[in-house]
Amino acid sequence: MLIGVLKEIKDNEYRVAITPAGVTAFIKAHHRVVIEDNAGIGSGFTNEQYQKAGAEIIEDRQKLCSRAELVLKIKEPLPDEYSLFKPGQMLFTFFHFASNRDLTEAMLRTQVTCIAYETVQTADGKLPLLAPMSEVAGKMAPLIAANYLAKPLGGKGVLASSVAHVAPAGFLILGGGNAGQAAARIALGIGADITLIEKCQNHINILQKEFPGISCLPSTPENIARALPKADAVIGTVHIPGTRAPRLVSRDMLTTMEQGSVIVDIAIDQGGCFETSKPTTHSEPVYREEGIMHYCVANMPGIFPRTSTLALVNAALPYALELADKGRNAFNNPELLKGLNLYKGHVTNRGVAEACNLPCADPQSVLGE
């Protein structure tokens, strides 16, 4: 199979969907790899390294996509990229369709087979391709929040750590999954006072053993409402595979926070945890709403591309190789079947269909057509 790898064009997105070692793996499996010129340069991988591994470098992305049977990306296609893809082609990337009906409809029109990193799921419910990026974003979030609490950047002027018996900043973390746990570890490390809210009681018990220095509470509207006025920074991490993130904080609830407080919405790719959230970019990462600083960058890990690329490619490569080796038969793997979001103009993921108010086709049925 011919594998095509595109250079990312999203604002300050420096990750790439394959490493030179990944190219070697495809070549050894008797596939061909074509990579857009300088696609890996932001992650520290040169054209020469890819060529040495056996890849072809091409400048014309339209020509690349016209040839490729499987296209690998990192982020969802942007409007300027919609016309690149062709019916029957496989596209493997982060899509987050549930928060972007325009993208969903555009990809349905192209009849591209869309496999979403974020919904590939193991039998025990884990999300192996989302998890490493959630960990990166989770570890970034407390540092970002601590930064924007600085007065010159619009914050209230509270240091995350305790100094001379002055209390540290209060951090509220919504969700105790991969991103929430990563955020808790870093927030503890910088000395913040942490409250973590999680809906699963069994998970709360585990978190309390893992993080004895934080306060864990069940996720209820009442608990969130009581915790918000005490929080200097709130990190939203709640994610439901395929569908929109739940809106846990309304505008009215947000107004109970002190002016200059900060929110970091890691779930913005899936629509965000806060009613007032809207996607931002690394070029313009924050805005003020109701007196609260909002950081809602939709590709947080993109500015740490070397780490993020290596972590993601390590996790994604076995699935990409399976798609290349088996084509449509790769969806006999239930983990990849979970990742299948669109096929031949049909939505095949129920969460995406419900979020976009579109009909959902049974994936097994349409695959058999």
Protein backbone atom coordinates (compact mmCIF):
# COMPACT_ATOMS: atom_id res chain seq x y z
CA MET A 1 0.00 0.00 0.00
CA LEU A 2 1.12 3.58 -0.62
CA ILE A 3 1.16 5.59 2.62
CA GLY A 4 1.01 9.40 2.42
CA VAL A 5 2.04 11.69 5.28
CA LEU A 6 0.94 15.34 5.22
CA LYS A 7 2.57 18.33 6.83
CA GLU A 8 0.30 19.93 9.43
CA ILE A 9 -1.05 23.43 8.73
CA LYS A 10 -2.94 24.12 11.96
CA ASP A 11 -1.65 27.12 13.94
CA ASN A 12 1.66 26.24 15.61
CA GLU A 13 1.21 22.53 15.03
CA TYR A 14 4.68 20.99 14.76
CA ARG A 15 3.91 17.31 15.23
CA VAL A 16 4.18 14.80 12.39
CA ALA A 17 2.36 11.51 11.92
CA ILE A 18 5.42 9.35 11.32
CA THR A 19 9.06 9.14 12.39
CA PRO A 20 11.95 7.81 10.31
CA ALA A 21 11.76 4.61 12.39
CA GLY A 22 8.08 4.38 11.45
CA VAL A 23 9.00 4.67 7.77
CA THR A 24 11.45 1.81 8.21
CA ALA A 25 8.67 -0.32 9.71
CA PHE A 26 6.40 0.32 6.72
CA ILE A 27 9.19 -0.40 4.23
CA LYS A 28 10.03 -3.67 5.97
CA ALA A 29 6.35 -4.60 5.68
CA HIS A 30 6.60 -4.01 1.90
CA HIS A 31 4.69 -0.74 1.78
CA ARG A 32 5.74 2.56 0.20
CA VAL A 33 5.79 5.90 2.05
CA VAL A 34 5.48 9.37 0.53
CA ILE A 35 5.99 12.35 2.84
CA GLU A 36 5.27 16.00 2.19
CA ASP A 37 8.35 18.19 2.02
CA ASN A 38 9.58 19.18 5.51
CA ALA A 39 6.61 17.54 7.22
CA GLY A 40 8.80 16.43 10.11
CA ILE A 41 11.07 19.42 10.46
CA GLY A 42 9.13 20.87 13.42
CA SER A 43 9.61 17.61 15.32
CA GLY A 44 13.30 17.49 14.48
CA PHE A 45 13.12 15.00 11.59
CA THR A 46 14.67 16.06 8.28
CA ASN A 47 13.81 15.08 4.72
CA GLU A 48 17.17 13.34 4.54
CA GLN A 49 16.38 11.15 7.56
CA TYR A 50 13.09 10.08 5.98
CA GLN A 51 14.77 9.41 2.63
CA LYS A 52 17.46 7.33 4.32
CA ALA A 53 14.67 5.28 5.91
CA GLY A 54 13.18 4.68 2.46
CA ALA A 55 10.53 7.38 2.04
CA GLU A 56 9.93 9.55 -1.01
CA ILE A 57 9.67 13.31 -0.41
CA ILE A 58 7.15 15.28 -2.45
CA GLU A 59 6.31 19.00 -2.44
CA ASP A 60 2.88 18.80 -4.10
CA ARG A 61 0.40 17.76 -1.39
CA GLN A 62 -2.41 17.44 -3.94
CA LYS A 63 -0.34 14.93 -5.89
CA LEU A 64 0.61 13.14 -2.68
CA CYS A 65 -3.02 12.64 -1.71
CA SER A 66 -4.03 11.64 -5.23
CA ARG A 67 -1.58 8.73 -4.98
CA ALA A 68 -1.91 7.66 -1.36
CA GLU A 69 -4.27 4.89 -0.29
CA LEU A 70 -3.75 5.59 3.43
CA VAL A 71 -3.09 9.17 4.59
CA LEU A 72 -1.61 9.80 8.03
CA LYS A 73 -2.05 13.14 9.82
CA ILE A 74 -2.07 14.50 13.34
CA LYS A 75 -4.91 17.03 13.42
CA GLU A 76 -8.27 17.18 11.71
CA PRO A 77 -8.35 18.43 8.10
CA LEU A 78 -8.87 22.18 7.83
CA PRO A 79 -11.16 23.65 5.13
CA ASP A 80 -8.20 24.25 2.80
CA GLU A 81 -7.50 20.50 2.96
CA TYR A 82 -10.99 19.13 2.33
CA SER A 83 -10.45 18.87 -1.42
CA LEU A 84 -7.28 16.79 -1.02
CA PHE A 85 -9.06 13.55 -0.24
CA LYS A 86 -10.82 11.05 -2.49
CA PRO A 87 -13.50 8.36 -2.12
CA GLY A 88 -12.31 5.09 -0.65
CA GLN A 89 -9.10 6.57 0.73
CA MET A 90 -8.31 5.91 4.40
CA LEU A 91 -7.47 8.88 6.61
CA PHE A 92 -6.03 8.20 10.06
CA THR A 93 -5.79 11.24 12.35
CA PHE A 94 -7.46 13.06 15.24
CA PHE A 95 -10.88 14.23 14.01
CA HIS A 96 -13.04 15.19 17.03
CA PHE A 97 -16.10 15.19 14.77
CA ALA A 98 -18.54 15.62 17.67
CA SER A 99 -17.63 19.28 18.07
CA ASN A 100 -17.41 20.09 14.35
CA ARG A 101 -20.41 19.26 12.17
CA ASP A 102 -18.98 21.20 9.22
CA LEU A 103 -15.94 18.94 9.18
CA THR A 104 -18.15 15.87 9.56
CA GLU A 105 -20.30 16.84 6.60
CA ALA A 106 -17.26 17.73 4.50
CA MET A 107 -15.66 14.35 5.11
CA LEU A 108 -18.97 12.59 4.43
CA ARG A 109 -19.09 14.30 1.04
CA THR A 110 -15.58 13.11 0.19
CA GLN A 111 -16.54 9.52 1.15
CA VAL A 112 -13.17 9.09 2.80
CA THR A 113 -12.82 6.29 5.33
CA CYS A 114 -12.10 8.22 8.53
CA ILE A 115 -10.37 6.42 11.39
CA ALA A 116 -10.09 8.66 14.45
CA TYR A 117 -7.18 8.31 16.85
CA GLU A 118 -9.40 9.47 19.69
CA THR A 119 -11.96 6.64 19.41
CA VAL A 120 -9.64 3.65 18.91
CA GLN A 121 -10.54 1.73 22.04
CA THR A 122 -9.41 -1.46 23.74
CA ALA A 123 -11.72 -4.09 25.20
CA ASP A 124 -11.19 -2.69 28.69
CA GLY A 125 -12.24 0.81 27.60
CA LYS A 126 -8.79 2.39 27.29
CA LEU A 127 -8.00 4.90 24.54
CA PRO A 128 -4.41 4.03 23.59
CA LEU A 129 -3.90 6.81 21.02
CA LEU A 130 -5.62 9.59 22.93
CA ALA A 131 -3.93 8.67 26.21
CA PRO A 132 -0.39 9.93 25.45
CA MET A 133 -1.68 13.27 24.15
CA SER A 134 -4.01 13.59 27.14
CA GLU A 135 -1.01 13.07 29.38
CA VAL A 136 0.98 15.78 27.57
CA ALA A 137 -1.93 18.24 27.76
CA GLY A 138 -2.59 17.32 31.39
CA LYS A 139 1.01 17.97 32.37
CA MET A 140 1.00 21.26 30.47
CA ALA A 141 -2.23 22.54 32.01
CA PRO A 142 -1.09 23.41 35.58
CA LEU A 143 2.00 25.17 34.24
CA ILE A 144 -0.15 27.19 31.83
CA ALA A 145 -2.64 28.03 34.57
CA ALA A 146 0.14 29.08 36.94
CA ASN A 147 1.58 31.30 34.22
CA TYR A 148 -1.69 33.08 33.42
CA LEU A 149 -2.38 33.72 37.08
CA ALA A 150 0.38 36.34 36.81
CA LYS A 151 -1.03 39.87 36.99
CA PRO A 152 0.63 41.23 33.81
CA LEU A 153 -0.94 38.35 31.84
CA GLY A 154 -4.44 39.09 33.11
CA GLY A 155 -4.50 36.89 36.19
CA LYS A 156 -5.25 37.70 39.79
CA GLY A 157 -1.59 37.64 40.89
CA VAL A 158 -1.61 34.45 42.94
CA LEU A 159 1.48 32.25 42.98
CA ALA A 160 0.78 28.53 42.64
CA SER A 161 3.09 27.66 45.55
CA SER A 162 2.93 28.66 49.19
CA VAL A 163 5.40 31.37 50.26
CA ALA A 164 6.10 32.57 53.81
CA HIS A 165 2.93 30.99 55.22
CA VAL A 166 0.76 32.53 52.48
CA ALA A 167 -1.62 29.93 51.09
CA PRO A 168 -0.90 28.50 47.62
CA ALA A 169 -3.26 28.84 44.67
CA GLY A 170 -6.31 26.62 44.68
CA PHE A 171 -6.51 24.33 41.62
CA LEU A 172 -9.75 22.56 40.74
CA ILE A 173 -9.40 19.63 38.33
CA LEU A 174 -12.53 18.30 36.65
CA GLY A 175 -12.07 14.64 35.77
CA GLY A 176 -9.70 11.97 37.03
CA GLY A 177 -8.72 10.22 33.79
CA ASN A 178 -5.33 10.33 32.07
CA ALA A 179 -5.31 14.12 31.68
CA GLY A 180 -6.72 14.77 35.15
CA GLN A 181 -4.16 12.53 36.84
CA ALA A 182 -1.33 14.08 34.84
CA ALA A 183 -2.54 17.54 35.84
CA ALA A 184 -2.75 16.49 39.49
CA ARG A 185 0.85 15.25 39.49
CA ILE A 186 2.22 18.50 38.10
CA ALA A 187 -0.03 20.69 40.25
CA LEU A 188 1.20 18.82 43.32
CA GLY A 189 4.75 19.30 42.17
CA ILE A 190 4.40 23.08 41.96
CA GLY A 191 2.79 23.24 45.38
CA ALA A 192 -0.83 24.07 44.56
CA ASP A 193 -3.76 23.17 46.79
CA ILE A 194 -5.79 20.69 44.71
CA THR A 195 -9.36 19.56 44.57
CA LEU A 196 -10.19 16.86 42.01
CA ILE A 197 -13.76 16.06 41.03
CA GLU A 198 -14.53 12.65 39.49
CA LYS A 199 -17.85 10.93 38.83
CA CYS A 200 -16.85 7.29 39.49
CA GLN A 201 -16.67 6.43 43.18
CA ASN A 202 -14.39 3.43 42.62
CA HIS A 203 -12.04 5.69 40.70
CA ILE A 204 -12.15 8.25 43.51
CA ASN A 205 -10.99 5.58 45.94
CA ILE A 206 -8.05 4.77 43.67
CA LEU A 207 -7.19 8.45 43.21
CA GLN A 208 -7.21 9.10 46.95
CA LYS A 209 -4.64 6.35 47.42
CA GLU A 210 -2.59 7.58 44.47
CA PHE A 211 -2.74 11.23 45.51
CA PRO A 212 -3.10 11.44 49.32
CA GLY A 213 -2.31 15.14 49.22
CA ILE A 214 -5.40 16.18 47.28
CA SER A 215 -9.10 16.37 48.02
CA CYS A 216 -11.28 14.11 45.82
CA LEU A 217 -15.01 14.74 45.52
CA PRO A 218 -17.84 13.03 43.61
CA SER A 219 -18.87 14.89 40.46
CA THR A 220 -22.17 16.58 41.21
CA PRO A 221 -23.37 20.04 40.18
CA GLU A 222 -23.46 20.97 43.87
CA ASN A 223 -19.86 19.95 44.53
CA ILE A 224 -18.64 21.79 41.45
CA ALA A 225 -20.62 24.90 42.40
CA ARG A 226 -19.16 24.87 45.91
CA ALA A 227 -15.59 24.36 44.68
CA LEU A 228 -15.55 27.03 41.96
CA PRO A 229 -15.54 30.18 44.17
CA LYS A 230 -12.49 28.83 46.05
CA ALA A 231 -10.53 28.00 42.90
CA ASP A 232 -7.89 30.26 41.42
CA ALA A 233 -7.53 27.92 38.44
CA VAL A 234 -9.83 25.27 36.97
CA ILE A 235 -8.63 22.56 34.61
CA GLY A 236 -11.33 20.78 32.60
CA THR A 237 -10.35 17.30 31.40
CA VAL A 238 -13.61 15.34 31.11
CA HIS A 239 -13.90 13.33 27.92
CA ILE A 240 -16.49 10.87 26.58
CA PRO A 241 -15.22 8.88 23.56
CA GLY A 242 -16.77 10.04 20.30
CA THR A 243 -19.31 12.47 21.66
CA ARG A 244 -19.25 16.02 23.04
CA ALA A 245 -17.63 16.69 26.37
CA PRO A 246 -20.20 17.35 29.10
CA ARG A 247 -20.73 21.01 29.99
CA LEU A 248 -19.92 20.94 33.69
CA VAL A 249 -19.63 24.69 34.34
CA SER A 250 -22.32 27.09 33.18
CA ARG A 251 -21.81 30.80 32.63
CA ASP A 252 -23.71 31.54 35.84
CA MET A 253 -21.46 29.18 37.78
CA LEU A 254 -18.38 30.81 36.27
CA THR A 255 -19.44 34.21 37.61
CA THR A 256 -18.96 32.94 41.17
CA MET A 257 -15.19 32.81 40.61
CA GLU A 258 -12.97 35.75 41.48
CA GLN A 259 -11.93 38.09 38.68
CA GLY A 260 -8.58 37.12 37.18
CA SER A 261 -9.01 33.41 37.86
CA VAL A 262 -7.95 31.05 35.06
CA ILE A 263 -9.54 28.09 33.31
CA VAL A 264 -7.70 25.66 31.05
CA ASP A 265 -10.09 23.57 28.96
CA ILE A 266 -8.26 20.45 27.77
CA ALA A 267 -11.57 19.06 26.48
CA ILE A 268 -12.02 21.88 23.95
CA ASP A 269 -11.40 19.48 21.03
CA GLN A 270 -14.64 17.75 22.02
CA GLY A 271 -16.53 20.99 22.64
CA GLY A 272 -15.21 21.89 26.08
CA CYS A 273 -16.28 21.49 29.71
CA PHE A 274 -17.30 25.15 30.17
CA GLU A 275 -20.26 26.94 28.61
CA THR A 276 -18.00 29.91 27.90
CA SER A 277 -15.26 27.90 26.16
CA LYS A 278 -14.40 28.48 22.51
CA PRO A 279 -11.33 27.19 20.65
CA THR A 280 -8.21 29.35 20.66
CA THR A 281 -4.79 28.98 19.05
CA HIS A 282 -1.21 29.08 20.26
CA SER A 283 -0.89 32.44 18.49
CA GLU A 284 -3.81 33.85 20.51
CA PRO A 285 -4.23 31.38 23.36
CA VAL A 286 -6.38 33.28 25.86
CA TYR A 287 -9.41 35.52 26.12
CA ARG A 288 -11.31 37.03 29.04
CA GLU A 289 -14.95 36.10 29.59
CA GLU A 290 -16.90 37.12 32.72
CA GLY A 291 -13.59 38.38 34.08
CA ILE A 292 -12.03 34.90 33.87
CA MET A 293 -8.99 34.10 31.74
CA HIS A 294 -9.81 31.26 29.32
CA TYR A 295 -7.09 29.10 27.76
CA CYS A 296 -8.76 26.83 25.20
CA VAL A 297 -6.07 25.86 22.71
CA ALA A 298 -7.25 22.94 20.62
CA ASN A 299 -3.80 21.44 19.93
CA MET A 300 -1.94 21.90 23.18
CA PRO A 301 0.67 19.14 22.61
CA GLY A 302 1.62 20.67 19.24
CA ILE A 303 4.14 23.04 20.84
CA PHE A 304 6.09 20.15 22.37
CA PRO A 305 6.33 18.23 19.12
CA ARG A 306 9.38 16.07 19.68
CA THR A 307 7.94 14.51 22.83
CA SER A 308 4.40 14.40 21.47
CA THR A 309 5.29 12.95 18.08
CA LEU A 310 7.37 10.16 19.58
CA ALA A 311 4.68 9.31 22.14
CA LEU A 312 1.85 9.30 19.59
CA VAL A 313 3.68 7.46 16.80
CA ASN A 314 4.84 4.77 19.23
CA ALA A 315 1.19 4.13 20.09
CA ALA A 316 -0.33 4.57 16.61
CA LEU A 317 2.19 2.75 14.41
CA PRO A 318 0.92 -0.80 15.08
CA TYR A 319 -2.60 0.26 14.09
CA ALA A 320 -1.36 2.12 10.99
CA LEU A 321 0.61 -0.96 9.93
CA GLU A 322 -2.48 -3.10 10.38
CA LEU A 323 -4.51 -0.75 8.19
CA ALA A 324 -1.80 -0.88 5.53
CA ASP A 325 -1.43 -4.65 5.71
CA LYS A 326 -5.11 -5.56 5.72
CA GLY A 327 -7.05 -2.60 4.28
CA ARG A 328 -10.75 -2.92 5.04
CA ASN A 329 -10.14 -6.26 6.77
CA ALA A 330 -8.27 -4.37 9.50
CA PHE A 331 -11.68 -3.49 10.94
CA ASN A 332 -12.00 -7.10 12.03
CA ASN A 333 -9.87 -5.80 14.88
CA PRO A 334 -12.52 -4.45 17.31
CA GLU A 335 -10.15 -1.71 18.48
CA LEU A 336 -9.86 -0.28 14.97
CA LEU A 337 -13.58 -0.81 14.40
CA LYS A 338 -14.16 1.53 17.35
CA GLY A 339 -11.89 4.01 15.60
CA LEU A 340 -13.95 3.92 12.40
CA ASN A 341 -16.05 7.11 12.40
CA LEU A 342 -17.06 7.54 8.75
CA TYR A 343 -17.27 5.01 5.92
CA LYS A 344 -18.55 5.49 2.35
CA GLY A 345 -20.54 8.56 3.31
CA HIS A 346 -22.01 7.00 6.48
CA VAL A 347 -21.42 7.97 10.11
CA THR A 348 -20.49 4.73 11.87
CA ASN A 349 -19.81 6.06 15.38
CA ARG A 350 -22.91 6.55 17.50
CA GLY A 351 -21.44 9.33 19.64
CA VAL A 352 -20.50 11.34 16.54
CA ALA A 353 -23.93 10.76 14.99
CA GLU A 354 -25.77 11.90 18.10
CA ALA A 355 -23.56 14.95 18.62
CA CYS A 356 -23.96 16.05 14.99
CA ASN A 357 -27.64 15.03 14.78
CA LEU A 358 -26.94 12.70 11.86
CA PRO A 359 -28.07 9.12 11.19
CA CYS A 360 -25.76 6.36 12.36
CA ALA A 361 -25.08 3.27 10.25
CA ASP A 362 -24.04 -0.06 11.73
CA PRO A 363 -20.33 -0.32 10.85
CA GLN A 364 -20.49 -4.05 10.24
CA SER A 365 -23.34 -3.60 7.78
CA VAL A 366 -21.70 -0.88 5.69
CA LEU A 367 -18.34 -2.67 5.71
CA GLY A 368 -20.11 -5.65 4.18
CA GLU A 369 -21.49 -3.63 1.26
